[in-house]
PDB file of N, CA and C in Angstrom:
ATOM      1  N   UNK A   1       0.832  -1.173   0.000  1.00  0.00           N
ATOM      2  CA  UNK A   1       0.000   0.000   0.000  1.00  0.00           C
ATOM      3  C   UNK A   1       0.883   1.243   0.000  1.00  0.00           C
ATOM      4  N   UNK A   2       0.397   2.317  -0.582  1.00  0.00           N
ATOM      5  CA  UNK A   2       1.107   3.590  -0.631  1.00  0.00           C
ATOM      6  C   UNK A   2       0.646   4.475   0.521  1.00  0.00           C
ATOM      7  N   UNK A   3       1.581   5.260   1.075  1.00  0.00           N
ATOM      8  CA  UNK A   3       1.260   6.144   2.187  1.00  0.00           C
ATOM      9  C   UNK A   3       1.783   7.544   1.919  1.00  0.00           C
ATOM     10  N   UNK A   4       0.976   8.532   2.235  1.00  0.00           N
ATOM     11  CA  UNK A   4       1.407   9.924   2.179  1.00  0.00           C
ATOM     12  C   UNK A   4       2.115  10.236   3.484  1.00  0.00           C
ATOM     13  N   UNK A   5       3.363  10.680   3.408  1.00  0.00           N
ATOM     14  CA  UNK A   5       4.143  10.971   4.595  1.00  0.00           C
ATOM     15  C   UNK A   5       3.994  12.439   4.975  1.00  0.00           C
ATOM     16  N   UNK A   6       4.079  13.343   3.989  1.00  0.00           N
ATOM     17  CA  UNK A   6       3.887  14.763   4.276  1.00  0.00           C
ATOM     18  C   UNK A   6       3.540  15.523   3.002  1.00  0.00           C
ATOM     19  N   UNK A   7       2.823  16.612   3.199  1.00  0.00           N
ATOM     20  CA  UNK A   7       2.522  17.558   2.125  1.00  0.00           C
ATOM     21  C   UNK A   7       2.933  18.919   2.648  1.00  0.00           C
ATOM     22  N   UNK A   8       3.832  19.578   1.925  1.00  0.00           N
ATOM     23  CA  UNK A   8       4.402  20.821   2.405  1.00  0.00           C
ATOM     24  C   UNK A   8       4.913  21.621   1.213  1.00  0.00           C
ATOM     25  N   UNK A   9       5.977  22.378   1.414  1.00  0.00           N
ATOM     26  CA  UNK A   9       6.664  23.040   0.315  1.00  0.00           C
ATOM     27  C   UNK A   9       8.140  23.131   0.659  1.00  0.00           C
ATOM     28  N   UNK A  10       8.957  23.271  -0.378  1.00  0.00           N
ATOM     29  CA  UNK A  10      10.407  23.364  -0.196  1.00  0.00           C
ATOM     30  C   UNK A  10      10.725  24.750   0.349  1.00  0.00           C
ATOM     31  N   UNK A  11      11.498  24.805   1.418  1.00  0.00           N
ATOM     32  CA  UNK A  11      11.885  26.098   1.984  1.00  0.00           C
ATOM     33  C   UNK A  11      12.890  26.778   1.071  1.00  0.00           C
ATOM     34  N   UNK A  12      12.642  28.045   0.788  1.00  0.00           N
ATOM     35  CA  UNK A  12      13.592  28.845   0.012  1.00  0.00           C
ATOM     36  C   UNK A  12      13.636  28.471  -1.460  1.00  0.00           C
ATOM     37  N   UNK A  13      14.823  28.571  -2.017  1.00  0.00           N
ATOM     38  CA  UNK A  13      15.007  28.351  -3.448  1.00  0.00           C
ATOM     39  C   UNK A  13      15.190  26.868  -3.765  1.00  0.00           C
ATOM     40  N   UNK A  14      14.560  26.430  -4.833  1.00  0.00           N
ATOM     41  CA  UNK A  14      14.680  25.052  -5.310  1.00  0.00           C
ATOM     42  C   UNK A  14      15.359  25.106  -6.665  1.00  0.00           C
ATOM     43  N   UNK A  15      16.487  24.407  -6.813  1.00  0.00           N
ATOM     44  CA  UNK A  15      17.239  24.442  -8.066  1.00  0.00           C
ATOM     45  C   UNK A  15      17.113  23.175  -8.888  1.00  0.00           C
ATOM     46  N   UNK A  16      16.326  22.211  -8.421  1.00  0.00           N
ATOM     47  CA  UNK A  16      16.158  20.973  -9.163  1.00  0.00           C
ATOM     48  C   UNK A  16      16.601  19.777  -8.335  1.00  0.00           C
ATOM     49  N   UNK A  17      16.625  18.633  -8.984  1.00  0.00           N
ATOM     50  CA  UNK A  17      17.025  17.387  -8.320  1.00  0.00           C
ATOM     51  C   UNK A  17      18.469  17.054  -8.687  1.00  0.00           C
ATOM     52  N   UNK A  18      19.301  16.863  -7.681  1.00  0.00           N
ATOM     53  CA  UNK A  18      20.677  16.427  -7.889  1.00  0.00           C
ATOM     54  C   UNK A  18      20.975  15.368  -6.834  1.00  0.00           C
ATOM     55  N   UNK A  19      21.518  14.254  -7.263  1.00  0.00           N
ATOM     56  CA  UNK A  19      21.851  13.145  -6.370  1.00  0.00           C
ATOM     57  C   UNK A  19      22.663  13.630  -5.176  1.00  0.00           C
ATOM     58  N   UNK A  20      22.206  13.275  -3.964  1.00  0.00           N
ATOM     59  CA  UNK A  20      22.927  13.624  -2.753  1.00  0.00           C
ATOM     60  C   UNK A  20      22.490  14.929  -2.109  1.00  0.00           C
ATOM     61  N   UNK A  21      21.766  15.777  -2.827  1.00  0.00           N
ATOM     62  CA  UNK A  21      21.314  17.035  -2.242  1.00  0.00           C
ATOM     63  C   UNK A  21      20.248  16.770  -1.193  1.00  0.00           C
ATOM     64  N   UNK A  22      20.193  17.648  -0.201  1.00  0.00           N
ATOM     65  CA  UNK A  22      19.178  17.567   0.844  1.00  0.00           C
ATOM     66  C   UNK A  22      18.185  18.706   0.664  1.00  0.00           C
ATOM     67  N   UNK A  23      16.920  18.397   0.934  1.00  0.00           N
ATOM     68  CA  UNK A  23      15.847  19.373   0.783  1.00  0.00           C
ATOM     69  C   UNK A  23      15.100  19.497   2.100  1.00  0.00           C
ATOM     70  N   UNK A  24      14.975  20.724   2.579  1.00  0.00           N
ATOM     71  CA  UNK A  24      14.256  20.990   3.818  1.00  0.00           C
ATOM     72  C   UNK A  24      12.852  21.461   3.454  1.00  0.00           C
ATOM     73  N   UNK A  25      11.861  20.789   4.002  1.00  0.00           N
ATOM     74  CA  UNK A  25      10.480  21.184   3.757  1.00  0.00           C
ATOM     75  C   UNK A  25       9.982  22.050   4.909  1.00  0.00           C
ATOM     76  N   UNK A  26       8.925  22.782   4.672  1.00  0.00           N
ATOM     77  CA  UNK A  26       8.397  23.717   5.663  1.00  0.00           C
ATOM     78  C   UNK A  26       7.914  23.025   6.931  1.00  0.00           C
ATOM     79  N   UNK A  27       7.581  21.730   6.856  1.00  0.00           N
ATOM     80  CA  UNK A  27       7.127  21.014   8.054  1.00  0.00           C
ATOM     81  C   UNK A  27       8.292  20.599   8.961  1.00  0.00           C
ATOM     82  N   UNK A  28       9.525  20.928   8.554  1.00  0.00           N
ATOM     83  CA  UNK A  28      10.696  20.610   9.359  1.00  0.00           C
ATOM     84  C   UNK A  28      11.418  19.344   8.935  1.00  0.00           C
ATOM     85  N   UNK A  29      10.849  18.587   8.020  1.00  0.00           N
ATOM     86  CA  UNK A  29      11.509  17.361   7.573  1.00  0.00           C
ATOM     87  C   UNK A  29      12.615  17.688   6.569  1.00  0.00           C
ATOM     88  N   UNK A  30      13.642  16.848   6.570  1.00  0.00           N
ATOM     89  CA  UNK A  30      14.757  16.999   5.638  1.00  0.00           C
ATOM     90  C   UNK A  30      14.926  15.672   4.915  1.00  0.00           C
ATOM     91  N   UNK A  31      15.047  15.742   3.575  1.00  0.00           N
ATOM     92  CA  UNK A  31      15.126  14.547   2.739  1.00  0.00           C
ATOM     93  C   UNK A  31      16.336  14.639   1.818  1.00  0.00           C
ATOM     94  N   UNK A  32      17.042  13.506   1.651  1.00  0.00           N
ATOM     95  CA  UNK A  32      18.217  13.440   0.774  1.00  0.00           C
ATOM     96  C   UNK A  32      17.902  12.551  -0.424  1.00  0.00           C
ATOM     97  N   UNK A  33      18.249  13.038  -1.611  1.00  0.00           N
ATOM     98  CA  UNK A  33      18.032  12.244  -2.831  1.00  0.00           C
ATOM     99  C   UNK A  33      19.063  11.128  -2.872  1.00  0.00           C
ATOM    100  N   UNK A  34      18.593   9.891  -3.101  1.00  0.00           N
ATOM    101  CA  UNK A  34      19.514   8.755  -3.192  1.00  0.00           C
ATOM    102  C   UNK A  34      19.493   8.136  -4.583  1.00  0.00           C
ATOM    103  N   UNK A  35      18.677   8.682  -5.445  1.00  0.00           N
ATOM    104  CA  UNK A  35      18.585   8.185  -6.829  1.00  0.00           C
ATOM    105  C   UNK A  35      19.564   8.970  -7.689  1.00  0.00           C
ATOM    106  N   UNK A  36      20.344   8.296  -8.551  1.00  0.00           N
ATOM    107  CA  UNK A  36      21.255   9.042  -9.421  1.00  0.00           C
ATOM    108  C   UNK A  36      20.451   9.894 -10.407  1.00  0.00           C
ATOM    109  N   UNK A  37      20.532  11.217 -10.247  1.00  0.00           N
ATOM    110  CA  UNK A  37      19.748  12.112 -11.106  1.00  0.00           C
ATOM    111  C   UNK A  37      20.399  13.484 -11.145  1.00  0.00           C
ATOM    112  N   UNK A  38      20.210  14.162 -12.245  1.00  0.00           N
ATOM    113  CA  UNK A  38      20.643  15.546 -12.387  1.00  0.00           C
ATOM    114  C   UNK A  38      19.604  16.229 -13.262  1.00  0.00           C
ATOM    115  N   UNK A  39      18.696  16.957 -12.636  1.00  0.00           N
ATOM    116  CA  UNK A  39      17.607  17.603 -13.366  1.00  0.00           C
ATOM    117  C   UNK A  39      17.395  18.987 -12.766  1.00  0.00           C
ATOM    118  N   UNK A  40      17.705  20.015 -13.518  1.00  0.00           N
ATOM    119  CA  UNK A  40      17.663  21.381 -13.013  1.00  0.00           C
ATOM    120  C   UNK A  40      16.379  22.085 -13.448  1.00  0.00           C
ATOM    121  N   UNK A  41      15.695  22.662 -12.494  1.00  0.00           N
ATOM    122  CA  UNK A  41      14.542  23.539 -12.715  1.00  0.00           C
ATOM    123  C   UNK A  41      14.531  24.493 -11.538  1.00  0.00           C
ATOM    124  N   UNK A  42      14.622  25.766 -11.770  1.00  0.00           N
ATOM    125  CA  UNK A  42      14.667  26.738 -10.680  1.00  0.00           C
ATOM    126  C   UNK A  42      13.262  27.204 -10.324  1.00  0.00           C
ATOM    127  N   UNK A  43      12.970  27.161  -9.023  1.00  0.00           N
ATOM    128  CA  UNK A  43      11.669  27.584  -8.508  1.00  0.00           C
ATOM    129  C   UNK A  43      11.870  28.165  -7.118  1.00  0.00           C
ATOM    130  N   UNK A  44      10.903  28.944  -6.674  1.00  0.00           N
ATOM    131  CA  UNK A  44      10.936  29.482  -5.322  1.00  0.00           C
ATOM    132  C   UNK A  44       9.794  28.873  -4.522  1.00  0.00           C
ATOM    133  N   UNK A  45      10.122  28.240  -3.425  1.00  0.00           N
ATOM    134  CA  UNK A  45       9.194  27.563  -2.508  1.00  0.00           C
ATOM    135  C   UNK A  45       8.075  26.787  -3.216  1.00  0.00           C
ATOM    136  N   UNK A  46       8.421  25.829  -4.079  1.00  0.00           N
ATOM    137  CA  UNK A  46       7.366  25.033  -4.725  1.00  0.00           C
ATOM    138  C   UNK A  46       6.729  24.053  -3.737  1.00  0.00           C
ATOM    139  N   UNK A  47       5.471  23.707  -3.989  1.00  0.00           N
ATOM    140  CA  UNK A  47       4.817  22.709  -3.140  1.00  0.00           C
ATOM    141  C   UNK A  47       5.485  21.358  -3.364  1.00  0.00           C
ATOM    142  N   UNK A  48       5.501  20.551  -2.316  1.00  0.00           N
ATOM    143  CA  UNK A  48       6.175  19.256  -2.375  1.00  0.00           C
ATOM    144  C   UNK A  48       5.418  18.255  -1.519  1.00  0.00           C
ATOM    145  N   UNK A  49       5.543  16.996  -1.873  1.00  0.00           N
ATOM    146  CA  UNK A  49       4.949  15.939  -1.055  1.00  0.00           C
ATOM    147  C   UNK A  49       5.891  14.741  -1.062  1.00  0.00           C
ATOM    148  N   UNK A  50       5.854  14.013   0.044  1.00  0.00           N
ATOM    149  CA  UNK A  50       6.653  12.798   0.173  1.00  0.00           C
ATOM    150  C   UNK A  50       5.675  11.658   0.398  1.00  0.00           C
ATOM    151  N   UNK A  51       5.874  10.577  -0.323  1.00  0.00           N
ATOM    152  CA  UNK A  51       5.048   9.397  -0.121  1.00  0.00           C
ATOM    153  C   UNK A  51       5.934   8.169  -0.025  1.00  0.00           C
ATOM    154  N   UNK A  52       5.374   7.118   0.561  1.00  0.00           N
ATOM    155  CA  UNK A  52       6.129   5.884   0.774  1.00  0.00           C
ATOM    156  C   UNK A  52       5.438   4.734   0.067  1.00  0.00           C
ATOM    157  N   UNK A  53       6.222   3.921  -0.625  1.00  0.00           N
ATOM    158  CA  UNK A  53       5.759   2.670  -1.212  1.00  0.00           C
ATOM    159  C   UNK A  53       6.666   1.587  -0.644  1.00  0.00           C
ATOM    160  N   UNK A  54       6.091   0.676   0.122  1.00  0.00           N
ATOM    161  CA  UNK A  54       6.857  -0.334   0.853  1.00  0.00           C
ATOM    162  C   UNK A  54       7.881   0.371   1.745  1.00  0.00           C
ATOM    163  N   UNK A  55       9.177   0.150   1.535  1.00  0.00           N
ATOM    164  CA  UNK A  55      10.201   0.775   2.372  1.00  0.00           C
ATOM    165  C   UNK A  55      10.925   1.913   1.667  1.00  0.00           C
ATOM    166  N   UNK A  56      10.392   2.380   0.546  1.00  0.00           N
ATOM    167  CA  UNK A  56      11.048   3.442  -0.216  1.00  0.00           C
ATOM    168  C   UNK A  56      10.217   4.719  -0.173  1.00  0.00           C
ATOM    169  N   UNK A  57      10.917   5.849   0.001  1.00  0.00           N
ATOM    170  CA  UNK A  57      10.273   7.165   0.046  1.00  0.00           C
ATOM    171  C   UNK A  57      10.525   7.895  -1.270  1.00  0.00           C
ATOM    172  N   UNK A  58       9.551   8.684  -1.694  1.00  0.00           N
ATOM    173  CA  UNK A  58       9.664   9.447  -2.935  1.00  0.00           C
ATOM    174  C   UNK A  58       9.244  10.888  -2.692  1.00  0.00           C
ATOM    175  N   UNK A  59      10.005  11.823  -3.262  1.00  0.00           N
ATOM    176  CA  UNK A  59       9.716  13.249  -3.170  1.00  0.00           C
ATOM    177  C   UNK A  59       9.182  13.717  -4.513  1.00  0.00           C
ATOM    178  N   UNK A  60       8.015  14.351  -4.480  1.00  0.00           N
ATOM    179  CA  UNK A  60       7.436  14.941  -5.689  1.00  0.00           C
ATOM    180  C   UNK A  60       7.350  16.441  -5.461  1.00  0.00           C
ATOM    181  N   UNK A  61       7.916  17.206  -6.406  1.00  0.00           N
ATOM    182  CA  UNK A  61       7.894  18.668  -6.329  1.00  0.00           C
ATOM    183  C   UNK A  61       7.094  19.186  -7.518  1.00  0.00           C
ATOM    184  N   UNK A  62       6.195  20.127  -7.236  1.00  0.00           N
ATOM    185  CA  UNK A  62       5.342  20.675  -8.296  1.00  0.00           C
ATOM    186  C   UNK A  62       6.200  21.306  -9.390  1.00  0.00           C
ATOM    187  N   UNK A  63       5.888  20.931 -10.620  1.00  0.00           N
ATOM    188  CA  UNK A  63       6.623  21.448 -11.763  1.00  0.00           C
ATOM    189  C   UNK A  63       7.731  20.535 -12.254  1.00  0.00           C
ATOM    190  N   UNK A  64       8.048  19.504 -11.491  1.00  0.00           N
ATOM    191  CA  UNK A  64       9.074  18.548 -11.914  1.00  0.00           C
ATOM    192  C   UNK A  64       8.380  17.381 -12.608  1.00  0.00           C
ATOM    193  N   UNK A  65       9.029  16.780 -13.611  1.00  0.00           N
ATOM    194  CA  UNK A  65       8.352  15.749 -14.411  1.00  0.00           C
ATOM    195  C   UNK A  65       8.046  14.455 -13.671  1.00  0.00           C
ATOM    196  N   UNK A  66       8.790  14.129 -12.620  1.00  0.00           N
ATOM    197  CA  UNK A  66       8.532  12.889 -11.895  1.00  0.00           C
ATOM    198  C   UNK A  66       9.093  12.990 -10.477  1.00  0.00           C
ATOM    199  N   UNK A  67       8.715  12.047  -9.649  1.00  0.00           N
ATOM    200  CA  UNK A  67       9.213  11.988  -8.278  1.00  0.00           C
ATOM    201  C   UNK A  67      10.570  11.294  -8.259  1.00  0.00           C
ATOM    202  N   UNK A  68      11.346  11.552  -7.205  1.00  0.00           N
ATOM    203  CA  UNK A  68      12.655  10.911  -7.051  1.00  0.00           C
ATOM    204  C   UNK A  68      12.717  10.196  -5.706  1.00  0.00           C
ATOM    205  N   UNK A  69      13.523   9.140  -5.654  1.00  0.00           N
ATOM    206  CA  UNK A  69      13.665   8.393  -4.417  1.00  0.00           C
ATOM    207  C   UNK A  69      14.532   9.180  -3.435  1.00  0.00           C
ATOM    208  N   UNK A  70      14.070   9.239  -2.181  1.00  0.00           N
ATOM    209  CA  UNK A  70      14.780   9.973  -1.142  1.00  0.00           C
ATOM    210  C   UNK A  70      14.879   9.125   0.120  1.00  0.00           C
ATOM    211  N   UNK A  71      15.706   9.589   1.057  1.00  0.00           N
ATOM    212  CA  UNK A  71      15.771   8.967   2.369  1.00  0.00           C
ATOM    213  C   UNK A  71      15.604  10.074   3.401  1.00  0.00           C
ATOM    214  N   UNK A  72      14.968   9.757   4.535  1.00  0.00           N
ATOM    215  CA  UNK A  72      14.797  10.794   5.556  1.00  0.00           C
ATOM    216  C   UNK A  72      16.119  11.091   6.258  1.00  0.00           C
ATOM    217  N   UNK A  73      16.410  12.372   6.420  1.00  0.00           N
ATOM    218  CA  UNK A  73      17.586  12.809   7.161  1.00  0.00           C
ATOM    219  C   UNK A  73      17.140  13.257   8.545  1.00  0.00           C
ATOM    220  N   UNK A  74      16.031  13.991   8.581  1.00  0.00           N
ATOM    221  CA  UNK A  74      15.479  14.493   9.829  1.00  0.00           C
ATOM    222  C   UNK A  74      13.966  14.575   9.673  1.00  0.00           C
ATOM    223  N   UNK A  75      13.241  13.983  10.610  1.00  0.00           N
ATOM    224  CA  UNK A  75      11.781  14.020  10.566  1.00  0.00           C
ATOM    225  C   UNK A  75      11.261  14.731  11.806  1.00  0.00           C
ATOM    226  N   UNK A  76      10.110  15.400  11.685  1.00  0.00           N
ATOM    227  CA  UNK A  76       9.499  15.987  12.882  1.00  0.00           C
ATOM    228  C   UNK A  76       9.210  14.886  13.893  1.00  0.00           C
ATOM    229  N   UNK A  77       9.045  15.238  15.139  1.00  0.00           N
ATOM    230  CA  UNK A  77       8.820  14.245  16.182  1.00  0.00           C
ATOM    231  C   UNK A  77       7.638  13.350  15.892  1.00  0.00           C
ATOM    232  N   UNK A  78       6.575  13.917  15.366  1.00  0.00           N
ATOM    233  CA  UNK A  78       5.380  13.123  15.034  1.00  0.00           C
ATOM    234  C   UNK A  78       5.164  13.167  13.537  1.00  0.00           C
ATOM    235  N   UNK A  79       5.233  12.032  12.897  1.00  0.00           N
ATOM    236  CA  UNK A  79       4.940  11.939  11.485  1.00  0.00           C
ATOM    237  C   UNK A  79       3.911  10.831  11.321  1.00  0.00           C
ATOM    238  N   UNK A  80       2.695  11.208  10.995  1.00  0.00           N
ATOM    239  CA  UNK A  80       1.630  10.230  10.797  1.00  0.00           C
ATOM    240  C   UNK A  80       1.446  10.005   9.307  1.00  0.00           C
ATOM    241  N   UNK A  81       1.648   8.783   8.864  1.00  0.00           N
ATOM    242  CA  UNK A  81       1.466   8.456   7.460  1.00  0.00           C
ATOM    243  C   UNK A  81       0.001   8.140   7.200  1.00  0.00           C
ATOM    244  N   UNK A  82      -0.501   8.625   6.065  1.00  0.00           N
ATOM    245  CA  UNK A  82      -1.894   8.393   5.698  1.00  0.00           C
ATOM    246  C   UNK A  82      -1.938   7.506   4.462  1.00  0.00           C
ATOM    247  N   UNK A  83      -2.794   6.489   4.450  1.00  0.00           N
ATOM    248  CA  UNK A  83      -2.904   5.631   3.264  1.00  0.00           C
ATOM    249  C   UNK A  83      -3.374   6.425   2.050  1.00  0.00           C
ATOM    250  N   UNK A  84      -2.828   6.087   0.889  1.00  0.00           N
ATOM    251  CA  UNK A  84      -3.251   6.693  -0.370  1.00  0.00           C
ATOM    252  C   UNK A  84      -4.008   5.628  -1.139  1.00  0.00           C
ATOM    253  N   UNK A  85      -5.120   5.972  -1.680  1.00  0.00           N
ATOM    254  CA  UNK A  85      -5.888   5.021  -2.476  1.00  0.00           C
ATOM    255  C   UNK A  85      -7.325   4.970  -2.032  1.00  0.00           C
ATOM    256  N   UNK A  86      -8.081   4.030  -2.576  1.00  0.00           N
ATOM    257  CA  UNK A  86      -9.491   3.944  -2.229  1.00  0.00           C
ATOM    258  C   UNK A  86      -9.666   3.666  -0.743  1.00  0.00           C
ATOM    259  N   UNK A  87     -10.599   4.371  -0.161  1.00  0.00           N
ATOM    260  CA  UNK A  87     -10.837   4.197   1.269  1.00  0.00           C
ATOM    261  C   UNK A  87     -11.923   3.172   1.504  1.00  0.00           C
ATOM    262  N   UNK A  88     -11.629   2.282   2.412  1.00  0.00           N
ATOM    263  CA  UNK A  88     -12.624   1.313   2.841  1.00  0.00           C
ATOM    264  C   UNK A  88     -13.008   1.718   4.251  1.00  0.00           C
ATOM    265  N   UNK A  89     -14.284   1.968   4.470  1.00  0.00           N
ATOM    266  CA  UNK A  89     -14.713   2.482   5.765  1.00  0.00           C
ATOM    267  C   UNK A  89     -15.302   1.375   6.615  1.00  0.00           C
ATOM    268  N   UNK A  90     -14.735   1.230   7.782  1.00  0.00           N
ATOM    269  CA  UNK A  90     -15.255   0.290   8.766  1.00  0.00           C
ATOM    270  C   UNK A  90     -15.402   1.093  10.050  1.00  0.00           C
ATOM    271  N   UNK A  91     -16.473   1.864  10.125  1.00  0.00           N
ATOM    272  CA  UNK A  91     -16.747   2.842  11.161  1.00  0.00           C
ATOM    273  C   UNK A  91     -16.222   2.551  12.548  1.00  0.00           C
ATOM    274  N   UNK A  92     -16.855   1.645  13.301  1.00  0.00           N
ATOM    275  CA  UNK A  92     -16.445   1.434  14.694  1.00  0.00           C
ATOM    276  C   UNK A  92     -14.988   0.997  14.840  1.00  0.00           C
ATOM    277  N   UNK A  93     -14.524   0.121  13.962  1.00  0.00           N
ATOM    278  CA  UNK A  93     -13.146  -0.362  14.071  1.00  0.00           C
ATOM    279  C   UNK A  93     -12.162   0.784  13.818  1.00  0.00           C
ATOM    280  N   UNK A  94     -12.428   1.633  12.808  1.00  0.00           N
ATOM    281  CA  UNK A  94     -11.532   2.744  12.520  1.00  0.00           C
ATOM    282  C   UNK A  94     -11.538   3.778  13.639  1.00  0.00           C
ATOM    283  N   UNK A  95     -12.718   4.054  14.204  1.00  0.00           N
ATOM    284  CA  UNK A  95     -12.778   5.008  15.318  1.00  0.00           C
ATOM    285  C   UNK A  95     -11.979   4.479  16.507  1.00  0.00           C
ATOM    286  N   UNK A  96     -12.106   3.187  16.782  1.00  0.00           N
ATOM    287  CA  UNK A  96     -11.384   2.577  17.895  1.00  0.00           C
ATOM    288  C   UNK A  96      -9.876   2.623  17.639  1.00  0.00           C
ATOM    289  N   UNK A  97      -9.465   2.325  16.402  1.00  0.00           N
ATOM    290  CA  UNK A  97      -8.041   2.353  16.063  1.00  0.00           C
ATOM    291  C   UNK A  97      -7.498   3.769  16.183  1.00  0.00           C
ATOM    292  N   UNK A  98      -8.263   4.766  15.720  1.00  0.00           N
ATOM    293  CA  UNK A  98      -7.804   6.148  15.799  1.00  0.00           C
ATOM    294  C   UNK A  98      -7.682   6.591  17.254  1.00  0.00           C
ATOM    295  N   UNK A  99      -8.613   6.194  18.089  1.00  0.00           N
ATOM    296  CA  UNK A  99      -8.540   6.535  19.514  1.00  0.00           C
ATOM    297  C   UNK A  99      -7.269   5.943  20.120  1.00  0.00           C
ATOM    298  N   UNK A 100      -6.920   4.694  19.752  1.00  0.00           N
ATOM    299  CA  UNK A 100      -5.701   4.057  20.265  1.00  0.00           C
ATOM    300  C   UNK A 100      -4.456   4.808  19.822  1.00  0.00           C
ATOM    301  N   UNK A 101      -4.443   5.248  18.554  1.00  0.00           N
ATOM    302  CA  UNK A 101      -3.293   5.991  18.038  1.00  0.00           C
ATOM    303  C   UNK A 101      -3.147   7.307  18.800  1.00  0.00           C
ATOM    304  N   UNK A 102      -4.241   8.019  18.992  1.00  0.00           N
ATOM    305  CA  UNK A 102      -4.183   9.299  19.700  1.00  0.00           C
ATOM    306  C   UNK A 102      -3.722   9.088  21.137  1.00  0.00           C
ATOM    307  N   UNK A 103      -4.224   8.060  21.804  1.00  0.00           N
ATOM    308  CA  UNK A 103      -3.796   7.792  23.176  1.00  0.00           C
ATOM    309  C   UNK A 103      -2.308   7.472  23.234  1.00  0.00           C
ATOM    310  N   UNK A 104      -1.812   6.709  22.262  1.00  0.00           N
ATOM    311  CA  UNK A 104      -0.382   6.372  22.232  1.00  0.00           C
ATOM    312  C   UNK A 104       0.461   7.623  22.022  1.00  0.00           C
ATOM    313  N   UNK A 105       0.000   8.518  21.164  1.00  0.00           N
ATOM    314  CA  UNK A 105       0.745   9.758  20.919  1.00  0.00           C
ATOM    315  C   UNK A 105       0.774  10.603  22.179  1.00  0.00           C
ATOM    316  N   UNK A 106      -0.360  10.711  22.839  1.00  0.00           N
ATOM    317  CA  UNK A 106      -0.426  11.510  24.061  1.00  0.00           C
ATOM    318  C   UNK A 106       0.488  10.915  25.132  1.00  0.00           C
ATOM    319  N   UNK A 107       0.516   9.593  25.245  1.00  0.00           N
ATOM    320  CA  UNK A 107       1.378   8.947  26.233  1.00  0.00           C
ATOM    321  C   UNK A 107       2.847   9.236  25.993  1.00  0.00           C
ATOM    322  N   UNK A 108       3.254   9.361  24.731  1.00  0.00           N
ATOM    323  CA  UNK A 108       4.662   9.641  24.435  1.00  0.00           C
ATOM    324  C   UNK A 108       4.960  11.129  24.468  1.00  0.00           C
ATOM    325  N   UNK A 109       3.976  11.927  24.835  1.00  0.00           N
ATOM    326  CA  UNK A 109       4.112  13.374  24.940  1.00  0.00           C
ATOM    327  C   UNK A 109       4.582  13.984  23.631  1.00  0.00           C
ATOM    328  N   UNK A 110       4.050  13.431  22.529  1.00  0.00           N
ATOM    329  CA  UNK A 110       4.440  13.899  21.211  1.00  0.00           C
ATOM    330  C   UNK A 110       3.631  15.124  20.812  1.00  0.00           C
ATOM    331  N   UNK A 111       2.452  15.272  21.367  1.00  0.00           N
ATOM    332  CA  UNK A 111       1.622  16.423  21.064  1.00  0.00           C
ATOM    333  C   UNK A 111       1.763  17.460  22.170  1.00  0.00           C
ATOM    334  N   UNK A 112       1.227  18.613  21.933  1.00  0.00           N
ATOM    335  CA  UNK A 112       1.244  19.664  22.949  1.00  0.00           C
ATOM    336  C   UNK A 112       0.510  19.190  24.195  1.00  0.00           C
ATOM    337  N   UNK A 113       0.941  19.690  25.337  1.00  0.00           N
ATOM    338  CA  UNK A 113       0.296  19.310  26.585  1.00  0.00           C
ATOM    339  C   UNK A 113      -1.125  19.833  26.685  1.00  0.00           C
ATOM    340  N   UNK A 114      -1.463  20.825  25.882  1.00  0.00           N
ATOM    341  CA  UNK A 114      -2.798  21.398  25.968  1.00  0.00           C
ATOM    342  C   UNK A 114      -3.754  20.748  24.963  1.00  0.00           C
ATOM    343  N   UNK A 115      -3.608  19.454  24.727  1.00  0.00           N
ATOM    344  CA  UNK A 115      -4.491  18.722  23.832  1.00  0.00           C
ATOM    345  C   UNK A 115      -5.914  18.749  24.400  1.00  0.00           C
ATOM    346  N   UNK A 116      -6.909  19.156  23.591  1.00  0.00           N
ATOM    347  CA  UNK A 116      -8.280  19.204  24.088  1.00  0.00           C
ATOM    348  C   UNK A 116      -8.727  17.842  24.610  1.00  0.00           C
ATOM    349  N   UNK A 117      -9.463  17.845  25.705  1.00  0.00           N
ATOM    350  CA  UNK A 117      -9.852  16.599  26.372  1.00  0.00           C
ATOM    351  C   UNK A 117     -10.770  15.739  25.527  1.00  0.00           C
ATOM    352  N   UNK A 118     -11.482  16.323  24.544  1.00  0.00           N
ATOM    353  CA  UNK A 118     -12.390  15.493  23.746  1.00  0.00           C
ATOM    354  C   UNK A 118     -11.650  14.519  22.828  1.00  0.00           C
ATOM    355  N   UNK A 119     -10.329  14.716  22.641  1.00  0.00           N
ATOM    356  CA  UNK A 119      -9.560  13.787  21.822  1.00  0.00           C
ATOM    357  C   UNK A 119      -9.149  12.544  22.583  1.00  0.00           C
ATOM    358  N   UNK A 120      -9.088  12.626  23.892  1.00  0.00           N
ATOM    359  CA  UNK A 120      -8.692  11.487  24.702  1.00  0.00           C
ATOM    360  C   UNK A 120      -9.818  11.204  25.685  1.00  0.00           C
ATOM    361  N   UNK A 121     -10.384  10.005  25.592  1.00  0.00           N
ATOM    362  CA  UNK A 121     -11.512   9.661  26.459  1.00  0.00           C
ATOM    363  C   UNK A 121     -11.207   8.409  27.227  1.00  0.00           C
TER     364      UNK A 121
END
C-alpha cells in the first residue's frame, strides 16, 4: 500500500534534483536524494509531497516531471502516514483504532500538553 508521509513546500530556493542534495520542507523534515539524477529547474518555494511505497520514500515537487527516491535525514517528532488510495470504511473499528493511536501519541508526549480533552476519552 502507498502512504502519504507529508505535504508541504520546499523552503527557500529550489534548483532541481541532484543526487545527494538535501531538501528541507516547511514542516521541518529533511530529505536526501539517493537516486542518481541531475535535473535542473529553478523555482521558489514550490509545493512538495513525500510518499512511501513499501520501504522506499519518494519526493514529488510541483513542476518537476517525476518523483525521485529519497531517504529521511530528519523528521518531525510526530509523522503520521496516511494511506493513499481507495478508502474502505469500517466505522467502529476505525474510530477505535484512531482513539488508540491518539492515546499512544499523548502517552509519548508527542503532542502539545494542551491537547483538548475530547480527543482522549
